[in-house]
Each structure stands twice: as C-alpha cells, then as structure tokens.
C-alpha cells in the first residue's frame, strides 16, 4: 500500500511539473503594456481570425483580368524558385544510409523476382501436367 501511495505521489508531482511547463500563463502583457487574461487573448485571436475571414469573403468572386495576370506573373520562374527552395529543405541521406538503402532495395528486388519466377514455373508445371502439354519442339 505504501508503495502505491509513493507511485501516485510521484505521478502527481510529474503531472504538476508538466502542467507548469506546458500550460500558458494566465496573464500576459499586451502590446499596450496592460496585462491581459488568457481568455482576453483568445478572444483577441478569434477576432483577428474573424476579420481575416471577412476580408476573404469580401474579395470579388470574379477577379479582373489584371488581378489574374498579377497572380500568375512569372509562373514558370516562380515554380522553379519554389522547387529550389523546397529542395534545400530536404534532409538528404548520408552516403552510408544511401548504400544501406540501395542494398535493401536490391535484395528485395532479387527476392521478389525469384519468388515470382518460382510461382510462374509452378503454374507452368501444373498447367503442363493437367493439359498434357509438352514444351519440346
């Protein structure tokens, strides 16, 4: 029983520590230097989201040809710039990882190739036996 109490106390202490670390403070300072409660901050964020949604809804449904041209200007160059920036974000494998991945793929291809060859040969033998077919020319 005493051991169970110790475990419960340790778990409670661990949870309390997590809450202290992960839970936001109840009050924060706003841009104007005044303290704001968490609920006021949430309302402020929700208000900003509503304002952004209203701007999106207020946008014209049929954009003018000029707006469409501005949106697609430099399309091909922008595409390749985007490809280049995304390629820079890729975490490329090390040489050791690349070699090990290549070996795994090669062995898997070899295994499945031999497996399918065996299944195909087995079906061929069954069909030859059932239909009395000879493959000798």
N, C-alpha and C. Protein backbone atom coordinates (compact mmCIF):
# COMPACT_ATOMS: atom_id res chain seq x y z
N UNK A 1 0.80 -1.19 0.00
CA UNK A 1 0.00 0.00 0.00
C UNK A 1 0.86 1.27 0.00
N UNK A 2 1.92 1.25 0.79
CA UNK A 2 2.77 2.43 0.88
C UNK A 2 3.45 2.68 -0.46
N UNK A 3 3.80 1.60 -1.15
CA UNK A 3 4.43 1.74 -2.46
C UNK A 3 3.50 2.37 -3.47
N UNK A 4 2.20 2.02 -3.40
CA UNK A 4 1.21 2.59 -4.31
C UNK A 4 1.05 4.08 -4.06
N UNK A 5 1.09 4.49 -2.77
CA UNK A 5 0.96 5.91 -2.46
C UNK A 5 2.15 6.69 -3.00
N UNK A 6 3.35 6.10 -2.87
CA UNK A 6 4.55 6.76 -3.39
C UNK A 6 4.46 6.94 -4.90
N UNK A 7 3.99 5.89 -5.59
CA UNK A 7 3.86 5.98 -7.05
C UNK A 7 2.86 7.05 -7.44
N UNK A 8 1.73 7.09 -6.72
CA UNK A 8 0.71 8.09 -7.02
C UNK A 8 1.24 9.50 -6.79
N UNK A 9 1.97 9.66 -5.67
CA UNK A 9 2.54 10.98 -5.37
C UNK A 9 3.56 11.39 -6.44
N UNK A 10 4.37 10.45 -6.87
CA UNK A 10 5.36 10.75 -7.91
C UNK A 10 4.66 11.13 -9.21
N UNK A 11 3.61 10.37 -9.56
CA UNK A 11 2.87 10.68 -10.79
C UNK A 11 2.21 12.05 -10.71
N UNK A 12 1.63 12.37 -9.55
CA UNK A 12 1.02 13.68 -9.38
C UNK A 12 2.05 14.79 -9.51
N UNK A 13 3.20 14.60 -8.90
CA UNK A 13 4.26 15.60 -8.98
C UNK A 13 4.72 15.77 -10.42
N UNK A 14 4.86 14.66 -11.14
CA UNK A 14 5.30 14.71 -12.54
C UNK A 14 4.26 15.44 -13.40
N UNK A 15 2.98 15.14 -13.18
CA UNK A 15 1.93 15.82 -13.93
C UNK A 15 1.89 17.30 -13.61
N UNK A 16 2.05 17.65 -12.33
CA UNK A 16 2.05 19.06 -11.94
C UNK A 16 3.21 19.78 -12.61
N UNK A 17 4.37 19.15 -12.70
CA UNK A 17 5.53 19.77 -13.35
C UNK A 17 5.26 19.97 -14.84
N UNK A 18 4.64 18.98 -15.48
CA UNK A 18 4.31 19.11 -16.91
C UNK A 18 3.35 20.28 -17.12
N UNK A 19 2.37 20.39 -16.23
CA UNK A 19 1.40 21.48 -16.37
C UNK A 19 2.08 22.84 -16.24
N UNK A 20 3.03 22.92 -15.32
CA UNK A 20 3.74 24.19 -15.14
C UNK A 20 4.53 24.54 -16.38
N UNK A 21 5.10 23.52 -17.03
CA UNK A 21 5.94 23.77 -18.19
C UNK A 21 5.09 24.05 -19.43
N UNK A 22 4.02 23.25 -19.65
CA UNK A 22 3.29 23.34 -20.91
C UNK A 22 2.11 24.29 -20.88
N UNK A 23 1.50 24.55 -19.71
CA UNK A 23 0.34 25.41 -19.67
C UNK A 23 0.78 26.87 -19.78
N UNK A 24 0.06 27.67 -20.56
CA UNK A 24 0.43 29.08 -20.66
C UNK A 24 0.08 29.81 -19.38
N UNK A 25 0.75 30.91 -19.21
CA UNK A 25 0.47 31.71 -18.02
C UNK A 25 -0.94 32.26 -18.13
N UNK A 26 -1.56 32.51 -16.99
CA UNK A 26 -2.94 33.00 -17.02
C UNK A 26 -2.99 34.47 -17.45
N UNK A 27 -1.92 35.22 -17.21
CA UNK A 27 -1.91 36.62 -17.61
C UNK A 27 -0.66 36.91 -18.42
N UNK A 28 -0.82 37.71 -19.45
CA UNK A 28 0.32 38.14 -20.26
C UNK A 28 0.16 39.62 -20.55
N UNK A 29 1.26 40.24 -20.91
CA UNK A 29 1.18 41.65 -21.24
C UNK A 29 0.81 41.81 -22.70
N UNK A 30 -0.08 42.72 -22.98
CA UNK A 30 -0.47 43.02 -24.35
C UNK A 30 0.50 44.02 -24.96
N UNK A 31 0.22 44.43 -26.19
CA UNK A 31 1.08 45.40 -26.86
C UNK A 31 1.08 46.75 -26.15
N UNK A 32 -0.04 47.05 -25.50
CA UNK A 32 -0.14 48.34 -24.83
C UNK A 32 0.47 48.32 -23.43
N UNK A 33 1.06 47.20 -23.01
CA UNK A 33 1.69 47.10 -21.71
C UNK A 33 0.75 46.67 -20.61
N UNK A 34 -0.54 46.58 -20.92
CA UNK A 34 -1.50 46.15 -19.91
C UNK A 34 -1.56 44.63 -19.87
N UNK A 35 -1.84 44.14 -18.68
CA UNK A 35 -1.96 42.69 -18.55
C UNK A 35 -3.29 42.24 -19.13
N UNK A 36 -3.24 41.10 -19.84
CA UNK A 36 -4.46 40.54 -20.40
C UNK A 36 -4.59 39.11 -19.89
N UNK A 37 -5.81 38.72 -19.61
CA UNK A 37 -6.04 37.35 -19.20
C UNK A 37 -6.00 36.45 -20.42
N UNK A 38 -5.88 35.16 -20.17
CA UNK A 38 -5.81 34.20 -21.27
C UNK A 38 -7.08 34.25 -22.11
N UNK A 39 -8.23 34.38 -21.46
CA UNK A 39 -9.49 34.42 -22.21
C UNK A 39 -9.55 35.66 -23.10
N UNK A 40 -9.00 36.80 -22.63
CA UNK A 40 -8.98 38.01 -23.45
C UNK A 40 -8.08 37.80 -24.66
N UNK A 41 -6.96 37.12 -24.46
CA UNK A 41 -6.07 36.83 -25.57
C UNK A 41 -6.75 35.92 -26.60
N UNK A 42 -7.48 34.93 -26.11
CA UNK A 42 -8.18 34.01 -27.01
C UNK A 42 -9.23 34.78 -27.81
N UNK A 43 -9.99 35.65 -27.12
CA UNK A 43 -10.99 36.45 -27.83
C UNK A 43 -10.34 37.33 -28.89
N UNK A 44 -9.18 37.89 -28.56
CA UNK A 44 -8.46 38.75 -29.50
C UNK A 44 -8.05 37.94 -30.73
N UNK A 45 -7.53 36.75 -30.53
CA UNK A 45 -7.11 35.90 -31.66
C UNK A 45 -8.32 35.52 -32.49
N UNK A 46 -9.43 35.17 -31.84
CA UNK A 46 -10.64 34.81 -32.57
C UNK A 46 -11.16 36.01 -33.37
N UNK A 47 -11.06 37.19 -32.80
CA UNK A 47 -11.48 38.39 -33.51
C UNK A 47 -10.63 38.63 -34.75
N UNK A 48 -9.32 38.40 -34.62
CA UNK A 48 -8.43 38.56 -35.77
C UNK A 48 -8.78 37.55 -36.86
N UNK A 49 -9.08 36.33 -36.46
CA UNK A 49 -9.44 35.30 -37.45
C UNK A 49 -10.74 35.68 -38.16
N UNK A 50 -11.71 36.18 -37.39
CA UNK A 50 -12.98 36.60 -37.99
C UNK A 50 -12.76 37.74 -38.97
N UNK A 51 -11.88 38.67 -38.62
CA UNK A 51 -11.59 39.79 -39.50
C UNK A 51 -10.94 39.30 -40.79
N UNK A 52 -10.03 38.34 -40.68
CA UNK A 52 -9.39 37.78 -41.88
C UNK A 52 -10.42 37.06 -42.74
N UNK A 53 -11.32 36.32 -42.10
CA UNK A 53 -12.36 35.61 -42.85
C UNK A 53 -13.26 36.60 -43.57
N UNK A 54 -13.57 37.71 -42.93
CA UNK A 54 -14.42 38.72 -43.56
C UNK A 54 -13.71 39.33 -44.77
N UNK A 55 -12.41 39.53 -44.68
CA UNK A 55 -11.65 40.06 -45.82
C UNK A 55 -11.69 39.07 -46.99
N UNK A 56 -11.56 37.79 -46.68
CA UNK A 56 -11.60 36.78 -47.72
C UNK A 56 -12.97 36.76 -48.38
N UNK A 57 -14.05 36.84 -47.57
CA UNK A 57 -15.40 36.83 -48.11
C UNK A 57 -15.67 38.07 -48.93
N UNK A 58 -15.05 39.19 -48.57
CA UNK A 58 -15.29 40.45 -49.26
C UNK A 58 -14.58 40.52 -50.60
N UNK A 59 -13.67 39.62 -50.87
CA UNK A 59 -12.93 39.63 -52.13
C UNK A 59 -13.90 39.36 -53.27
N UNK A 60 -13.68 40.00 -54.43
CA UNK A 60 -14.59 39.79 -55.56
C UNK A 60 -14.53 38.35 -56.04
N UNK A 61 -15.71 37.84 -56.46
CA UNK A 61 -15.78 36.45 -56.90
C UNK A 61 -15.13 36.27 -58.26
N UNK A 62 -15.31 37.22 -59.14
CA UNK A 62 -14.71 37.15 -60.47
C UNK A 62 -13.61 38.19 -60.56
N UNK A 63 -12.35 37.80 -60.38
CA UNK A 63 -11.28 38.79 -60.42
C UNK A 63 -11.13 39.37 -61.83
N UNK A 64 -10.69 40.60 -61.87
CA UNK A 64 -10.47 41.24 -63.16
C UNK A 64 -9.29 40.58 -63.86
N UNK A 65 -9.18 40.72 -65.17
CA UNK A 65 -8.04 40.11 -65.87
C UNK A 65 -6.69 40.61 -65.36
N UNK A 66 -6.63 41.86 -64.91
CA UNK A 66 -5.37 42.38 -64.38
C UNK A 66 -4.98 41.64 -63.11
N UNK A 67 -5.95 41.37 -62.24
CA UNK A 67 -5.65 40.66 -60.99
C UNK A 67 -5.19 39.24 -61.30
N UNK A 68 -5.80 38.61 -62.29
CA UNK A 68 -5.40 37.26 -62.66
C UNK A 68 -3.98 37.26 -63.21
N UNK A 69 -3.63 38.28 -64.01
CA UNK A 69 -2.27 38.35 -64.54
C UNK A 69 -1.25 38.57 -63.44
N UNK A 70 -1.59 39.38 -62.45
CA UNK A 70 -0.66 39.63 -61.35
C UNK A 70 -0.44 38.36 -60.54
N UNK A 71 -1.48 37.56 -60.40
CA UNK A 71 -1.38 36.34 -59.61
C UNK A 71 -0.47 35.32 -60.30
N UNK A 72 -0.52 35.23 -61.63
CA UNK A 72 0.22 34.22 -62.37
C UNK A 72 1.49 34.76 -63.00
N UNK A 73 1.89 35.99 -62.70
CA UNK A 73 3.06 36.55 -63.34
C UNK A 73 4.32 35.78 -62.94
N UNK A 74 5.16 35.48 -63.92
CA UNK A 74 6.39 34.74 -63.66
C UNK A 74 6.13 33.34 -63.18
N UNK A 75 5.09 32.71 -63.69
CA UNK A 75 4.66 31.41 -63.20
C UNK A 75 5.74 30.35 -63.25
N UNK A 76 6.39 30.22 -64.40
CA UNK A 76 7.38 29.16 -64.56
C UNK A 76 8.61 29.44 -63.69
N UNK A 77 9.06 30.69 -63.66
CA UNK A 77 10.22 31.03 -62.85
C UNK A 77 9.91 30.87 -61.36
N UNK A 78 8.71 31.29 -60.96
CA UNK A 78 8.32 31.12 -59.56
C UNK A 78 8.26 29.64 -59.19
N UNK A 79 7.79 28.84 -60.13
CA UNK A 79 7.72 27.40 -59.88
C UNK A 79 9.12 26.84 -59.61
N UNK A 80 10.07 27.18 -60.45
CA UNK A 80 11.42 26.64 -60.27
C UNK A 80 12.11 27.22 -59.04
N UNK A 81 11.80 28.47 -58.70
CA UNK A 81 12.33 29.02 -57.44
C UNK A 81 11.78 28.24 -56.26
N UNK A 82 10.49 27.94 -56.32
CA UNK A 82 9.86 27.15 -55.25
C UNK A 82 10.47 25.76 -55.15
N UNK A 83 10.73 25.15 -56.31
CA UNK A 83 11.36 23.83 -56.32
C UNK A 83 12.73 23.91 -55.67
N UNK A 84 13.47 24.94 -56.00
CA UNK A 84 14.83 25.10 -55.45
C UNK A 84 14.80 25.29 -53.94
N UNK A 85 13.88 26.13 -53.45
CA UNK A 85 13.83 26.35 -52.00
C UNK A 85 13.37 25.08 -51.28
N UNK A 86 12.42 24.35 -51.85
CA UNK A 86 11.98 23.10 -51.22
C UNK A 86 13.09 22.05 -51.24
N UNK A 87 13.87 22.03 -52.30
CA UNK A 87 14.99 21.08 -52.39
C UNK A 87 16.03 21.37 -51.33
N UNK A 88 16.22 22.64 -51.00
CA UNK A 88 17.17 23.00 -49.95
C UNK A 88 16.70 22.53 -48.58
N UNK A 89 15.37 22.39 -48.40
CA UNK A 89 14.83 21.96 -47.11
C UNK A 89 14.94 20.46 -46.89
N UNK A 90 15.21 19.71 -47.97
CA UNK A 90 15.24 18.25 -47.88
C UNK A 90 16.44 17.81 -47.04
N UNK A 91 16.23 16.84 -46.18
CA UNK A 91 17.32 16.26 -45.41
C UNK A 91 17.80 15.05 -46.20
N UNK A 92 18.93 15.19 -46.87
CA UNK A 92 19.44 14.14 -47.74
C UNK A 92 20.13 13.07 -46.90
N UNK A 93 20.05 11.80 -47.33
CA UNK A 93 20.70 10.73 -46.57
C UNK A 93 22.22 10.80 -46.70
N UNK A 94 22.89 10.28 -45.70
CA UNK A 94 24.35 10.21 -45.76
C UNK A 94 24.75 9.11 -46.74
N UNK A 95 26.00 9.05 -47.08
CA UNK A 95 26.47 8.03 -48.01
C UNK A 95 26.24 6.63 -47.45
N UNK A 96 26.48 6.47 -46.16
CA UNK A 96 26.29 5.16 -45.52
C UNK A 96 24.82 4.74 -45.58
N UNK A 97 23.91 5.67 -45.27
CA UNK A 97 22.48 5.36 -45.35
C UNK A 97 22.07 5.02 -46.77
N UNK A 98 22.58 5.79 -47.74
CA UNK A 98 22.24 5.56 -49.14
C UNK A 98 22.67 4.18 -49.59
N UNK A 99 23.88 3.78 -49.20
CA UNK A 99 24.38 2.45 -49.58
C UNK A 99 23.52 1.37 -48.94
N UNK A 100 23.17 1.54 -47.66
CA UNK A 100 22.38 0.51 -46.99
C UNK A 100 20.97 0.43 -47.60
N UNK A 101 20.36 1.57 -47.93
CA UNK A 101 19.04 1.56 -48.56
C UNK A 101 19.10 0.89 -49.94
N UNK A 102 20.18 1.16 -50.68
CA UNK A 102 20.34 0.57 -52.01
C UNK A 102 20.47 -0.94 -51.90
N UNK A 103 21.23 -1.42 -50.93
CA UNK A 103 21.39 -2.86 -50.74
C UNK A 103 20.05 -3.50 -50.38
N UNK A 104 19.29 -2.87 -49.52
CA UNK A 104 17.98 -3.40 -49.13
C UNK A 104 17.06 -3.50 -50.34
N UNK A 105 17.03 -2.46 -51.16
CA UNK A 105 16.18 -2.47 -52.36
C UNK A 105 16.63 -3.56 -53.32
N UNK A 106 17.93 -3.70 -53.51
CA UNK A 106 18.45 -4.72 -54.43
C UNK A 106 18.07 -6.12 -53.94
N UNK A 107 18.24 -6.37 -52.65
CA UNK A 107 17.91 -7.70 -52.11
C UNK A 107 16.40 -7.95 -52.21
N UNK A 108 15.58 -6.94 -51.94
CA UNK A 108 14.13 -7.10 -52.05
C UNK A 108 13.73 -7.41 -53.49
N UNK A 109 14.32 -6.71 -54.45
CA UNK A 109 14.01 -6.97 -55.87
C UNK A 109 14.43 -8.38 -56.26
N UNK A 110 15.59 -8.80 -55.81
CA UNK A 110 16.07 -10.14 -56.11
C UNK A 110 15.14 -11.19 -55.49
N UNK A 111 14.75 -11.00 -54.25
CA UNK A 111 13.87 -11.94 -53.57
C UNK A 111 12.53 -12.06 -54.28
N UNK A 112 11.89 -10.92 -54.57
CA UNK A 112 10.58 -10.97 -55.21
C UNK A 112 10.67 -11.47 -56.65
N UNK A 113 11.76 -11.17 -57.33
CA UNK A 113 11.95 -11.70 -58.68
C UNK A 113 12.05 -13.21 -58.67
N UNK A 114 12.85 -13.75 -57.75
CA UNK A 114 12.97 -15.22 -57.63
C UNK A 114 11.65 -15.84 -57.19
N UNK A 115 10.95 -15.19 -56.29
CA UNK A 115 9.66 -15.70 -55.83
C UNK A 115 8.67 -15.78 -56.98
N UNK A 116 8.55 -14.69 -57.76
CA UNK A 116 7.61 -14.70 -58.88
C UNK A 116 8.03 -15.69 -59.96
N UNK A 117 9.33 -15.85 -60.18
CA UNK A 117 9.81 -16.86 -61.15
C UNK A 117 9.39 -18.26 -60.67
N UNK A 118 9.53 -18.51 -59.37
CA UNK A 118 9.14 -19.81 -58.82
C UNK A 118 7.64 -20.05 -58.95
N UNK A 119 6.83 -19.05 -58.65
CA UNK A 119 5.37 -19.18 -58.77
C UNK A 119 5.00 -19.41 -60.23
N UNK A 120 5.60 -18.66 -61.14
CA UNK A 120 5.32 -18.82 -62.57
C UNK A 120 5.71 -20.21 -63.05
N UNK A 121 6.88 -20.68 -62.63
CA UNK A 121 7.33 -22.03 -63.03
C UNK A 121 6.39 -23.09 -62.46
N UNK A 122 5.92 -22.88 -61.24
CA UNK A 122 4.99 -23.83 -60.64
C UNK A 122 3.67 -23.89 -61.39
N UNK A 123 3.12 -22.72 -61.74
CA UNK A 123 1.89 -22.71 -62.52
C UNK A 123 2.08 -23.35 -63.89
N UNK A 124 3.23 -23.09 -64.50
CA UNK A 124 3.52 -23.70 -65.80
C UNK A 124 3.55 -25.22 -65.69
N UNK A 125 4.20 -25.73 -64.64
CA UNK A 125 4.28 -27.19 -64.45
C UNK A 125 2.89 -27.77 -64.21
N UNK A 126 2.06 -27.08 -63.42
CA UNK A 126 0.70 -27.57 -63.15
C UNK A 126 -0.11 -27.60 -64.45
N UNK A 127 -0.04 -26.53 -65.22
CA UNK A 127 -0.81 -26.47 -66.47
C UNK A 127 -0.33 -27.53 -67.45
N UNK A 128 1.00 -27.72 -67.55
CA UNK A 128 1.52 -28.77 -68.44
C UNK A 128 1.03 -30.14 -68.00
N UNK A 129 1.00 -30.40 -66.72
CA UNK A 129 0.57 -31.70 -66.21
C UNK A 129 -0.93 -31.92 -66.44
N UNK A 130 -1.74 -30.88 -66.17
CA UNK A 130 -3.20 -31.00 -66.31
C UNK A 130 -3.59 -31.19 -67.77
N UNK A 131 -3.00 -30.41 -68.66
CA UNK A 131 -3.40 -30.47 -70.06
C UNK A 131 -2.49 -31.33 -70.93
N UNK A 132 -1.57 -32.05 -70.34
CA UNK A 132 -0.64 -32.91 -71.08
C UNK A 132 0.08 -32.17 -72.20
N UNK A 133 0.64 -31.03 -71.85
CA UNK A 133 1.35 -30.20 -72.83
C UNK A 133 2.83 -30.46 -72.68
N UNK A 134 3.50 -30.62 -73.83
CA UNK A 134 4.95 -30.80 -73.84
C UNK A 134 5.58 -29.56 -74.43
N UNK A 135 6.60 -29.04 -73.82
CA UNK A 135 7.25 -27.82 -74.28
C UNK A 135 8.39 -28.11 -75.25
N UNK A 136 8.62 -29.39 -75.56
CA UNK A 136 9.68 -29.76 -76.51
C UNK A 136 9.19 -29.47 -77.90
N UNK A 137 10.01 -28.79 -78.74
CA UNK A 137 9.56 -28.51 -80.08
C UNK A 137 9.90 -29.59 -81.06
